[in-house]
Structure formats: C-alpha cells, structure tokens
Amino acid sequence: MNQMKQQSKQNEPSMVLSDEERQPCEVWTRVMGYHRPVASFNIGKKGEHAERQFFQEACAHLNH
C-alpha cells in the first residue's frame, strides 16, 4: 500500500504558485475557551503562542 502512495505521488505533476497567486493562511487557536485568529493577538500573546510546546499524552493504564 505504501508503494502505491509513493508511485501516485511520483506521477502527480508538481504545482508551483507565483507570489501573486498565493494568499495568506490564517491561523486560529483556542484561548480562554474560545477560538481567535493569532493575527489579532497583541505582541505578548504572540510570544506566548510561539513558545508553546506540543506533546503527546501517553495512554493511561488501569490497574485492577
């Protein structure tokens, strides 16, 4: 299955956009229980957002 994905990617033409064709990507995040665009943050909140660390929580094991 993995080989099929690699082969299909090789057969796809690569797409290159000029700067005029590009548009900005708006990033939203959850703050204080609701979602807001990062672009509307003040300088301090933008700094906090940049310093965030992502993690994956391990599965909990129940002892009986």
N, C-alpha and C. Protein backbone atom coordinates (compact mmCIF):
# COMPACT_ATOMS: atom_id res chain seq x y z
N MET A 1 0.83 -1.19 0.00
CA MET A 1 0.00 0.00 0.00
C MET A 1 0.87 1.25 0.00
N ASN A 2 1.93 1.24 0.78
CA ASN A 2 2.82 2.38 0.85
C ASN A 2 3.47 2.67 -0.49
N GLN A 3 3.82 1.61 -1.23
CA GLN A 3 4.42 1.78 -2.55
C GLN A 3 3.44 2.43 -3.51
N MET A 4 2.15 2.11 -3.38
CA MET A 4 1.14 2.71 -4.25
C MET A 4 1.07 4.22 -4.01
N LYS A 5 1.14 4.63 -2.74
CA LYS A 5 1.11 6.06 -2.43
C LYS A 5 2.32 6.76 -3.02
N GLN A 6 3.50 6.15 -2.90
CA GLN A 6 4.71 6.75 -3.42
C GLN A 6 4.64 6.86 -4.94
N GLN A 7 4.12 5.82 -5.60
CA GLN A 7 4.02 5.85 -7.06
C GLN A 7 3.03 6.91 -7.51
N SER A 8 1.91 7.07 -6.80
CA SER A 8 0.93 8.07 -7.21
C SER A 8 1.48 9.48 -7.02
N LYS A 9 2.31 9.68 -5.99
CA LYS A 9 2.92 11.00 -5.78
C LYS A 9 3.93 11.31 -6.88
N GLN A 10 4.64 10.29 -7.35
CA GLN A 10 5.62 10.49 -8.41
C GLN A 10 4.94 10.84 -9.72
N ASN A 11 3.74 10.35 -9.94
CA ASN A 11 3.03 10.60 -11.19
C ASN A 11 2.30 11.93 -11.21
N GLU A 12 2.11 12.54 -10.05
CA GLU A 12 1.40 13.81 -9.98
C GLU A 12 2.32 14.94 -10.42
N PRO A 13 1.81 15.85 -11.23
CA PRO A 13 2.64 17.00 -11.61
C PRO A 13 2.82 17.93 -10.41
N SER A 14 4.00 18.50 -10.29
CA SER A 14 4.23 19.42 -9.17
C SER A 14 3.62 20.77 -9.51
N MET A 15 3.04 21.40 -8.50
CA MET A 15 2.37 22.68 -8.71
C MET A 15 3.21 23.78 -8.07
N VAL A 16 3.50 24.81 -8.82
CA VAL A 16 4.27 25.94 -8.32
C VAL A 16 3.43 27.19 -8.52
N LEU A 17 3.22 27.92 -7.43
CA LEU A 17 2.44 29.16 -7.50
C LEU A 17 3.37 30.36 -7.45
N SER A 18 3.02 31.39 -8.20
CA SER A 18 3.76 32.63 -8.10
C SER A 18 3.29 33.39 -6.85
N ASP A 19 4.02 34.37 -6.43
CA ASP A 19 3.65 35.15 -5.24
C ASP A 19 2.29 35.82 -5.41
N GLU A 20 1.93 36.21 -6.63
CA GLU A 20 0.65 36.86 -6.88
C GLU A 20 -0.51 35.88 -6.70
N GLU A 21 -0.27 34.60 -6.91
CA GLU A 21 -1.32 33.58 -6.79
C GLU A 21 -1.51 33.09 -5.36
N ARG A 22 -0.56 33.37 -4.50
CA ARG A 22 -0.63 32.90 -3.12
C ARG A 22 -1.53 33.80 -2.28
N GLN A 23 -2.07 33.22 -1.21
CA GLN A 23 -2.85 34.00 -0.26
C GLN A 23 -2.40 33.62 1.15
N PRO A 24 -2.51 34.53 2.10
CA PRO A 24 -2.05 34.22 3.45
C PRO A 24 -2.94 33.17 4.11
N CYS A 25 -2.34 32.38 4.96
CA CYS A 25 -3.06 31.35 5.71
C CYS A 25 -3.36 31.92 7.10
N GLU A 26 -4.61 31.94 7.48
CA GLU A 26 -4.99 32.47 8.79
C GLU A 26 -4.97 31.34 9.81
N VAL A 27 -4.18 31.52 10.87
CA VAL A 27 -4.05 30.51 11.91
C VAL A 27 -4.91 30.91 13.09
N TRP A 28 -5.75 29.98 13.55
CA TRP A 28 -6.60 30.21 14.71
C TRP A 28 -6.16 29.30 15.84
N THR A 29 -6.39 29.73 17.06
CA THR A 29 -6.08 28.90 18.22
C THR A 29 -7.12 29.14 19.31
N ARG A 30 -7.19 28.23 20.24
CA ARG A 30 -8.16 28.34 21.33
C ARG A 30 -7.53 29.10 22.49
N VAL A 31 -8.20 30.17 22.91
CA VAL A 31 -7.73 30.99 24.03
C VAL A 31 -8.91 31.24 24.96
N MET A 32 -8.72 30.93 26.22
CA MET A 32 -9.75 31.19 27.24
C MET A 32 -11.11 30.59 26.86
N GLY A 33 -11.09 29.42 26.23
CA GLY A 33 -12.33 28.71 25.93
C GLY A 33 -12.98 29.06 24.61
N TYR A 34 -12.41 29.94 23.84
CA TYR A 34 -12.99 30.24 22.52
C TYR A 34 -11.86 30.40 21.50
N HIS A 35 -12.18 30.35 20.23
CA HIS A 35 -11.18 30.41 19.17
C HIS A 35 -11.00 31.83 18.66
N ARG A 36 -9.73 32.20 18.43
CA ARG A 36 -9.39 33.53 17.91
C ARG A 36 -8.27 33.41 16.90
N PRO A 37 -8.21 34.30 15.92
CA PRO A 37 -7.08 34.28 14.98
C PRO A 37 -5.82 34.79 15.67
N VAL A 38 -4.70 34.13 15.41
CA VAL A 38 -3.43 34.52 16.02
C VAL A 38 -3.03 35.92 15.57
N ALA A 39 -3.41 36.32 14.38
CA ALA A 39 -3.04 37.65 13.87
C ALA A 39 -3.62 38.77 14.73
N SER A 40 -4.69 38.51 15.48
CA SER A 40 -5.30 39.56 16.30
C SER A 40 -4.67 39.65 17.69
N PHE A 41 -3.70 38.77 18.00
CA PHE A 41 -3.05 38.80 19.32
C PHE A 41 -2.16 40.02 19.46
N ASN A 42 -2.00 40.47 20.71
CA ASN A 42 -1.01 41.52 20.97
C ASN A 42 0.37 40.88 20.99
N ILE A 43 1.42 41.69 21.10
CA ILE A 43 2.78 41.17 20.99
C ILE A 43 3.11 40.15 22.07
N GLY A 44 2.60 40.34 23.28
CA GLY A 44 2.85 39.40 24.36
C GLY A 44 2.20 38.06 24.12
N LYS A 45 0.96 38.07 23.68
CA LYS A 45 0.24 36.82 23.42
C LYS A 45 0.85 36.09 22.21
N LYS A 46 1.33 36.85 21.20
CA LYS A 46 2.00 36.22 20.06
C LYS A 46 3.28 35.51 20.52
N GLY A 47 3.99 36.12 21.47
CA GLY A 47 5.20 35.49 22.02
C GLY A 47 4.87 34.21 22.76
N GLU A 48 3.80 34.24 23.57
CA GLU A 48 3.37 33.04 24.28
C GLU A 48 2.99 31.93 23.30
N HIS A 49 2.29 32.30 22.25
CA HIS A 49 1.88 31.31 21.24
C HIS A 49 3.11 30.68 20.58
N ALA A 50 4.14 31.47 20.30
CA ALA A 50 5.34 30.96 19.65
C ALA A 50 6.12 30.02 20.57
N GLU A 51 6.00 30.20 21.89
CA GLU A 51 6.74 29.38 22.84
C GLU A 51 6.00 28.10 23.25
N ARG A 52 4.81 27.89 22.75
CA ARG A 52 4.06 26.69 23.12
C ARG A 52 4.82 25.42 22.75
N GLN A 53 4.70 24.43 23.60
CA GLN A 53 5.32 23.13 23.35
C GLN A 53 4.20 22.10 23.18
N PHE A 54 4.30 21.32 22.12
CA PHE A 54 3.30 20.30 21.86
C PHE A 54 3.78 18.97 22.41
N PHE A 55 2.88 18.16 22.88
CA PHE A 55 3.23 16.87 23.44
C PHE A 55 2.15 15.86 23.09
N GLN A 56 2.51 14.61 23.22
CA GLN A 56 1.54 13.53 23.06
C GLN A 56 1.42 12.84 24.40
N GLU A 57 0.20 12.77 24.86
CA GLU A 57 -0.06 12.16 26.16
C GLU A 57 -0.08 10.64 26.00
N ALA A 58 0.60 9.96 26.91
CA ALA A 58 0.63 8.50 26.88
C ALA A 58 -0.73 7.96 27.33
N CYS A 59 -1.05 6.77 26.87
CA CYS A 59 -2.31 6.12 27.27
C CYS A 59 -2.27 5.77 28.75
N ALA A 60 -3.38 5.91 29.39
CA ALA A 60 -3.49 5.55 30.80
C ALA A 60 -3.70 4.04 30.92
N HIS A 61 -3.04 3.44 31.87
CA HIS A 61 -3.18 2.00 32.13
C HIS A 61 -3.87 1.83 33.47
N LEU A 62 -4.94 1.06 33.48
CA LEU A 62 -5.70 0.82 34.70
C LEU A 62 -5.17 -0.43 35.39
N ASN A 63 -4.96 -0.33 36.69
CA ASN A 63 -4.56 -1.49 37.48
C ASN A 63 -5.77 -2.02 38.23
N HIS A 64 -6.06 -3.27 38.03
CA HIS A 64 -7.22 -3.87 38.71
C HIS A 64 -6.78 -4.66 39.90
